Amino acid sequence: MIHFLSVVFISIVVSFACAGSVREPQAVKEPIQSQLNMVLGFAGDLHEALFQRNSLKTEEAVDRLIDVVSKLEIQLSAMKMEISHLMQVMKSLRVDLKALKRASADSSEQSLRSVFGNVVQIARNYKLTQYRLFFCAKDQSVWLQRDRVAHNPFNPETFRNCGSAIR
């Protein structure tokens, strides 16, 4: 019973932390919407590559994410959009992706957690293509993926299917 309550509590905390607040997702206009959907798509590719432990595909997904996030930051700045939250998330995501690219396999987990935390914020706060969001109470990880069955990208050997859908 205590384990169940702690899982419920953690899920609620993660839900509020990821969303910033409980509210309806904001609509964004084109071409920003398409580019944000590309970010989610490449994050889905990153998830799959990590889960499969495919370092080449992981590196490619990180490179694609860095590229689209950098272009999106420039576009948002040029448009002087009033989405300051999105600008902050994009900057943080770019910094985390570059740190992930530089990190060794042993030191990359914190950057990876930050990357997926930022991607989950985007998915929850803006009206975009629907991806599934998961939380694993065993390793306190949150991520985005395409499949219905949880595939923990942080610890696939230990917690392969740990994760509950949070959206």
Foldseek 3Di string as FASTA:
>chain_A
DVVVVVVVVLLVVLVCVLQVHDDAAAEDDPPLQVLLQVLLVLQQQLLVCLLVVPVVSNLVSLVSNLVSLVVSLVVCVVVVDPPVVLNVLSVQLNVLSVCLNPDDPVPNLVSVQSNQSSNSSSQRRHPHPDWWWWAFPVVGGIHTYHDPFAQDSRCCPPCGRGIDTSD
